[in-house]
Amino acid sequence: MRLYLKKLEQEVSGWRHISIHPHRFAGVEFRFGDAEVGHVHTNGIIDIPFPRSIHDSLLADDLAEEHHWIPNSGWITFQMRSEEDLSHALWLMRLSYLRYALKRSSEPRKVFEQESERMRLSPRFKSLLGPFVPKTAKQVSAEPIPA
């Protein structure tokens, strides 16, 4: 388990604008600025906040479960136990991260298309993330977000 937790932390901490903080209920929290992208507990439980539309789609497609402590909150839970689970946990974290990264990108449409392809997003998830793509680029970051 520790190996998967370490790999998750190493990967997510390498994403632009991500900072790592101790989580108040034991574990590690990942933030994009002041916004929490998600956190992982020492037992491998991953908790991630999503807008209701994305939350509901993740649950409907059995890609995550209701949050273990606060159901009906928009938060999802995912239990990481294996290498395959690690890959899915990273996908879920990246989905959360993408909402914030698109707002900071100087080329949000290009980043959205690249990330959608890289993450193999279904048309449904692409449409749910569409509202997070700014119509005009306002931000200063000209670099694409790293994988």
C-alpha atoms as a PDB file:
ATOM      1  CA  MET A   1       0.000   0.000   0.000  1.00  0.00           C
ATOM      2  CA  ARG A   2       2.746   2.438   0.927  1.00  0.00           C
ATOM      3  CA  LEU A   3       4.305   2.034  -2.508  1.00  0.00           C
ATOM      4  CA  TYR A   4       1.053   3.075  -4.216  1.00  0.00           C
ATOM      5  CA  LEU A   5       0.596   6.021  -1.873  1.00  0.00           C
ATOM      6  CA  LYS A   6       4.139   7.191  -2.572  1.00  0.00           C
ATOM      7  CA  LYS A   7       3.689   6.822  -6.336  1.00  0.00           C
ATOM      8  CA  LEU A   8       0.440   8.790  -6.215  1.00  0.00           C
ATOM      9  CA  GLU A   9       2.049  11.552  -4.181  1.00  0.00           C
ATOM     10  CA  GLN A  10       5.078  11.730  -6.490  1.00  0.00           C
ATOM     11  CA  GLU A  11       2.950  11.918  -9.615  1.00  0.00           C
ATOM     12  CA  VAL A  12       0.418  14.478  -8.405  1.00  0.00           C
ATOM     13  CA  SER A  13       3.057  16.666  -6.749  1.00  0.00           C
ATOM     14  CA  GLY A  14       4.749  16.993 -10.149  1.00  0.00           C
ATOM     15  CA  TRP A  15       1.752  18.701 -11.739  1.00  0.00           C
ATOM     16  CA  ARG A  16       2.024  22.479 -12.248  1.00  0.00           C
ATOM     17  CA  HIS A  17       0.643  24.636  -9.434  1.00  0.00           C
ATOM     18  CA  ILE A  18       0.110  21.687  -7.065  1.00  0.00           C
ATOM     19  CA  SER A  19       1.193  21.981  -3.455  1.00  0.00           C
ATOM     20  CA  ILE A  20       1.117  19.214  -0.858  1.00  0.00           C
ATOM     21  CA  HIS A  21      -0.134  19.616   2.695  1.00  0.00           C
ATOM     22  CA  PRO A  22      -0.831  17.317   5.632  1.00  0.00           C
ATOM     23  CA  HIS A  23      -4.497  16.379   5.701  1.00  0.00           C
ATOM     24  CA  ARG A  24      -6.372  16.996   8.932  1.00  0.00           C
ATOM     25  CA  PHE A  25      -7.601  13.385   9.104  1.00  0.00           C
ATOM     26  CA  ALA A  26      -4.207  11.794   8.385  1.00  0.00           C
ATOM     27  CA  GLY A  27      -2.785  11.643   4.932  1.00  0.00           C
ATOM     28  CA  VAL A  28      -1.807  14.063   2.202  1.00  0.00           C
ATOM     29  CA  GLU A  29      -3.857  16.840   0.635  1.00  0.00           C
ATOM     30  CA  PHE A  30      -3.218  18.221  -2.854  1.00  0.00           C
ATOM     31  CA  ARG A  31      -4.085  21.847  -3.589  1.00  0.00           C
ATOM     32  CA  PHE A  32      -4.157  23.994  -6.679  1.00  0.00           C
ATOM     33  CA  GLY A  33      -3.756  27.400  -5.093  1.00  0.00           C
ATOM     34  CA  ASP A  34      -6.331  27.447  -2.310  1.00  0.00           C
ATOM     35  CA  ALA A  35      -8.565  24.822  -3.925  1.00  0.00           C
ATOM     36  CA  GLU A  36      -8.306  21.217  -2.836  1.00  0.00           C
ATOM     37  CA  VAL A  37      -7.892  18.853  -5.789  1.00  0.00           C
ATOM     38  CA  GLY A  38      -8.244  15.857  -3.468  1.00  0.00           C
ATOM     39  CA  HIS A  39      -6.564  13.978  -0.664  1.00  0.00           C
ATOM     40  CA  VAL A  40      -5.384  10.492   0.146  1.00  0.00           C
ATOM     41  CA  HIS A  41      -5.573   8.873   3.562  1.00  0.00           C
ATOM     42  CA  THR A  42      -2.856   6.574   4.877  1.00  0.00           C
ATOM     43  CA  ASN A  43      -5.140   3.560   4.344  1.00  0.00           C
ATOM     44  CA  GLY A  44      -5.360   4.235   0.583  1.00  0.00           C
ATOM     45  CA  ILE A  45      -8.749   5.922   0.524  1.00  0.00           C
ATOM     46  CA  ILE A  46      -8.840   8.777  -1.979  1.00  0.00           C
ATOM     47  CA  ASP A  47     -11.386  11.582  -1.533  1.00  0.00           C
ATOM     48  CA  ILE A  48     -11.980  14.138  -4.269  1.00  0.00           C
ATOM     49  CA  PRO A  49     -14.456  17.035  -4.556  1.00  0.00           C
ATOM     50  CA  PHE A  50     -16.323  17.422  -7.841  1.00  0.00           C
ATOM     51  CA  PRO A  51     -19.168  19.547  -9.130  1.00  0.00           C
ATOM     52  CA  ARG A  52     -22.429  17.636  -8.805  1.00  0.00           C
ATOM     53  CA  SER A  53     -22.682  16.831 -12.534  1.00  0.00           C
ATOM     54  CA  ILE A  54     -19.247  15.184 -12.649  1.00  0.00           C
ATOM     55  CA  HIS A  55     -19.811  13.510  -9.260  1.00  0.00           C
ATOM     56  CA  ASP A  56     -23.081  12.001 -10.445  1.00  0.00           C
ATOM     57  CA  SER A  57     -21.554  10.742 -13.699  1.00  0.00           C
ATOM     58  CA  LEU A  58     -18.637   9.128 -11.874  1.00  0.00           C
ATOM     59  CA  LEU A  59     -21.075   7.304  -9.600  1.00  0.00           C
ATOM     60  CA  ALA A  60     -23.394   6.324 -12.461  1.00  0.00           C
ATOM     61  CA  ASP A  61     -20.461   4.820 -14.391  1.00  0.00           C
ATOM     62  CA  ASP A  62     -19.135   3.009 -11.270  1.00  0.00           C
ATOM     63  CA  LEU A  63     -15.893   4.975 -11.477  1.00  0.00           C
ATOM     64  CA  ALA A  64     -16.127   6.054  -7.838  1.00  0.00           C
ATOM     65  CA  GLU A  65     -18.301   5.704  -4.748  1.00  0.00           C
ATOM     66  CA  GLU A  66     -20.203   8.182  -2.618  1.00  0.00           C
ATOM     67  CA  HIS A  67     -17.961   9.826  -0.065  1.00  0.00           C
ATOM     68  CA  HIS A  68     -17.593   7.498   2.900  1.00  0.00           C
ATOM     69  CA  TRP A  69     -18.407  10.142   5.538  1.00  0.00           C
ATOM     70  CA  ILE A  70     -20.407  12.835   3.757  1.00  0.00           C
ATOM     71  CA  PRO A  71     -22.617  11.311   1.052  1.00  0.00           C
ATOM     72  CA  ASN A  72     -24.584  13.660  -1.218  1.00  0.00           C
ATOM     73  CA  SER A  73     -21.875  16.275  -0.861  1.00  0.00           C
ATOM     74  CA  GLY A  74     -20.241  16.221  -4.290  1.00  0.00           C
ATOM     75  CA  TRP A  75     -17.224  14.407  -2.846  1.00  0.00           C
ATOM     76  CA  ILE A  76     -16.328  10.944  -4.138  1.00  0.00           C
ATOM     77  CA  THR A  77     -14.320   8.151  -2.540  1.00  0.00           C
ATOM     78  CA  PHE A  78     -12.099   5.608  -4.199  1.00  0.00           C
ATOM     79  CA  GLN A  79     -10.165   2.816  -2.463  1.00  0.00           C
ATOM     80  CA  MET A  80      -6.664   2.199  -3.809  1.00  0.00           C
ATOM     81  CA  ARG A  81      -5.366  -1.355  -3.303  1.00  0.00           C
ATOM     82  CA  SER A  82      -3.461  -2.284  -6.478  1.00  0.00           C
ATOM     83  CA  GLU A  83      -1.431  -0.958  -9.402  1.00  0.00           C
ATOM     84  CA  GLU A  84      -4.640  -0.793 -11.461  1.00  0.00           C
ATOM     85  CA  ASP A  85      -6.296   1.179  -8.659  1.00  0.00           C
ATOM     86  CA  LEU A  86      -3.331   3.556  -8.616  1.00  0.00           C
ATOM     87  CA  SER A  87      -3.830   4.255 -12.308  1.00  0.00           C
ATOM     88  CA  HIS A  88      -7.522   4.965 -11.763  1.00  0.00           C
ATOM     89  CA  ALA A  89      -6.828   7.120  -8.683  1.00  0.00           C
ATOM     90  CA  LEU A  90      -4.436   9.216 -10.784  1.00  0.00           C
ATOM     91  CA  TRP A  91      -7.107   9.546 -13.483  1.00  0.00           C
ATOM     92  CA  LEU A  92      -9.633  10.781 -10.921  1.00  0.00           C
ATOM     93  CA  MET A  93      -7.130  13.249  -9.446  1.00  0.00           C
ATOM     94  CA  ARG A  94      -6.246  14.482 -12.939  1.00  0.00           C
ATOM     95  CA  LEU A  95      -9.933  14.984 -13.708  1.00  0.00           C
ATOM     96  CA  SER A  96     -10.232  17.182 -10.626  1.00  0.00           C
ATOM     97  CA  TYR A  97      -6.960  18.981 -11.391  1.00  0.00           C
ATOM     98  CA  LEU A  98      -7.989  19.711 -14.962  1.00  0.00           C
ATOM     99  CA  ARG A  99     -10.858  21.944 -13.848  1.00  0.00           C
ATOM    100  CA  TYR A 100      -8.388  24.330 -12.228  1.00  0.00           C
ATOM    101  CA  ALA A 101      -5.582  23.991 -14.781  1.00  0.00           C
ATOM    102  CA  LEU A 102      -7.880  25.032 -17.615  1.00  0.00           C
ATOM    103  CA  LYS A 103      -8.639  28.299 -15.843  1.00  0.00           C
ATOM    104  CA  ARG A 104      -4.904  29.104 -15.583  1.00  0.00           C
ATOM    105  CA  SER A 105      -3.869  28.100 -19.086  1.00  0.00           C
ATOM    106  CA  SER A 106      -3.150  30.665 -21.809  1.00  0.00           C
ATOM    107  CA  GLU A 107      -4.450  28.103 -24.312  1.00  0.00           C
ATOM    108  CA  PRO A 108      -7.311  26.401 -22.488  1.00  0.00           C
ATOM    109  CA  ARG A 109      -8.981  24.936 -25.592  1.00  0.00           C
ATOM    110  CA  LYS A 110      -5.706  23.346 -26.749  1.00  0.00           C
ATOM    111  CA  VAL A 111      -4.961  21.992 -23.266  1.00  0.00           C
ATOM    112  CA  PHE A 112      -8.513  20.645 -23.002  1.00  0.00           C
ATOM    113  CA  GLU A 113      -8.199  18.764 -26.288  1.00  0.00           C
ATOM    114  CA  GLN A 114      -4.762  17.361 -25.388  1.00  0.00           C
ATOM    115  CA  GLU A 115      -5.834  16.270 -21.915  1.00  0.00           C
ATOM    116  CA  SER A 116      -9.130  14.841 -23.164  1.00  0.00           C
ATOM    117  CA  GLU A 117      -7.223  12.635 -25.580  1.00  0.00           C
ATOM    118  CA  ARG A 118      -4.495  11.698 -23.101  1.00  0.00           C
ATOM    119  CA  MET A 119      -7.050  10.818 -20.422  1.00  0.00           C
ATOM    120  CA  ARG A 120      -9.333   9.111 -22.951  1.00  0.00           C
ATOM    121  CA  LEU A 121     -12.309  11.124 -21.765  1.00  0.00           C
ATOM    122  CA  SER A 122     -15.674   9.962 -23.009  1.00  0.00           C
ATOM    123  CA  PRO A 123     -17.881  12.476 -24.850  1.00  0.00           C
ATOM    124  CA  ARG A 124     -19.959  12.665 -21.666  1.00  0.00           C
ATOM    125  CA  PHE A 125     -17.019  13.748 -19.484  1.00  0.00           C
ATOM    126  CA  LYS A 126     -15.754  16.106 -22.171  1.00  0.00           C
ATOM    127  CA  SER A 127     -19.127  17.846 -22.181  1.00  0.00           C
ATOM    128  CA  LEU A 128     -19.150  18.008 -18.361  1.00  0.00           C
ATOM    129  CA  LEU A 129     -15.697  19.635 -18.350  1.00  0.00           C
ATOM    130  CA  GLY A 130     -16.557  22.015 -21.196  1.00  0.00           C
ATOM    131  CA  PRO A 131     -17.855  24.751 -18.863  1.00  0.00           C
ATOM    132  CA  PHE A 132     -14.409  24.891 -17.207  1.00  0.00           C
ATOM    133  CA  VAL A 133     -12.749  25.925 -20.474  1.00  0.00           C
ATOM    134  CA  PRO A 134     -12.600  29.733 -20.454  1.00  0.00           C
ATOM    135  CA  LYS A 135     -13.869  31.410 -23.622  1.00  0.00           C
ATOM    136  CA  THR A 136     -10.840  33.710 -23.617  1.00  0.00           C
ATOM    137  CA  ALA A 137      -7.403  33.193 -22.127  1.00  0.00           C
ATOM    138  CA  LYS A 138      -6.914  35.597 -19.219  1.00  0.00           C
ATOM    139  CA  GLN A 139      -4.086  33.898 -17.411  1.00  0.00           C
ATOM    140  CA  VAL A 140      -0.336  34.309 -17.690  1.00  0.00           C
ATOM    141  CA  SER A 141       0.835  30.695 -17.899  1.00  0.00           C
ATOM    142  CA  ALA A 142       1.812  30.041 -21.511  1.00  0.00           C
ATOM    143  CA  GLU A 143       3.122  26.536 -20.885  1.00  0.00           C
ATOM    144  CA  PRO A 144       0.910  23.509 -21.401  1.00  0.00           C
ATOM    145  CA  ILE A 145       0.298  21.474 -18.277  1.00  0.00           C
ATOM    146  CA  PRO A 146       2.728  18.563 -17.981  1.00  0.00           C
ATOM    147  CA  ALA A 147       1.562  14.977 -17.990  1.00  0.00           C
END
